[in-house]
Amino acid sequence: MPELLVRAGKPSSDTPPSPQPSLRSGEGERRSLQRAFVEATQILRQAGIETPELDARVLVCHAARLSHEAYIARAGEALSADAAARLDGAIARRLEREPVARITGMREFYGRLFALGPAALDPRPDTETLVEAALDLVVKMGWQEKPLKLLDLGTGTGAILVTLLAELPRARGFGTDLSLDALAIAAANARRHGVSCRASFIAGDWLEAVAGRFDLILSNPPYLAAAEIAELAEEVAAYDPRLALDGGPDGLAAYRRIAARSLEVLAEDGRLLVEIGPGQSGAVAAILEEAGLRPDASGSIRRDLAGRPRVVVARP
């Protein structure tokens, strides 16, 4: 497993620093967008980046301020000096194993773009399973026209809450997080997607700052055991906030905190949906049942696209 990212200090006087790869052309010479893509791909491949072509394409488009479609149409055009400088910087960051989404500052989630920041977890495609499970429940319960009240615990970028509010125009929701910086990112994403008038964000530790009753409570809590974090890929361990990764000694601490007060804030026919890590479905279900919650009759476990248990659903 890759170790945590360590940034080097100043080189010793007898050890010259290694030059950073550069895509910038010499004076009077301009590379085309396509040539820049080919060279960026080669640099990333030689550095052992797993998806060099995809990463290079995204970074070239980002540096040139072009959509993917515009890049295809203009691939033979010259890369401007400013764009070349931006691409140099982006490639250097990727060589430090910074994720592409953090370099561009955006992540696509459920068909929408969300701004990222250092204080919030980069939303993963697996978490779309949580959103889909919630939307399926709304249909099964006949709640499409109901003014639902939603609660997203540990909201981070707000991707879960904002997506559900965008998909459910009659719903209103609250997102909680310990990080004020993360809450600011979530609020900006709510504005970006036109749901800020129906979204509120609260600083608090799980359910401690929450009152009232909610139809749907959702969370993608930290579920890694603390000892596992050092074994993660650098892209995760060095760039996702530890607060969003560390689930305590056994990875289950957040579930216990959430379960402890869920009955107090769930509506009579409400549902709690929590994302889980590999192999945690039985343990999490047991924690919820011990707190007085029951498995949802329509299915207490939702699987992701790979067939792995990903979401546990419970009710009062």
Foldseek 3Di string as FASTA:
>chain_A
DDFAQDDDDDDDPVDDDDDQDAPDDDPPDFDFLLVQLVVQLVVCVVLPNPCSNVLSLLLLCLLQVHDSVVCVVRRGDTRDNSSRVSSSVLSVVVSSVADSCVSSQWDDEPNDIAGADLAAFRDDNQCVLLLVVVVVVCVVVVVLPPQFEEEEEQCQQVRSVLVNCLVRVSYAYEYEHQDPVSQVNNLVRNVVSVNNVRYYYYYDHGCPVDAAAGQEYEYAAAQDAPVCLRVDDNNPNHRHDVRRHHCYRHSCNSLLVNLQCNVRHYDQFHKYKYFYDAPCQVVSQVSNVVSPWAFDPVGQFGAGPVRTTTMGMTHD
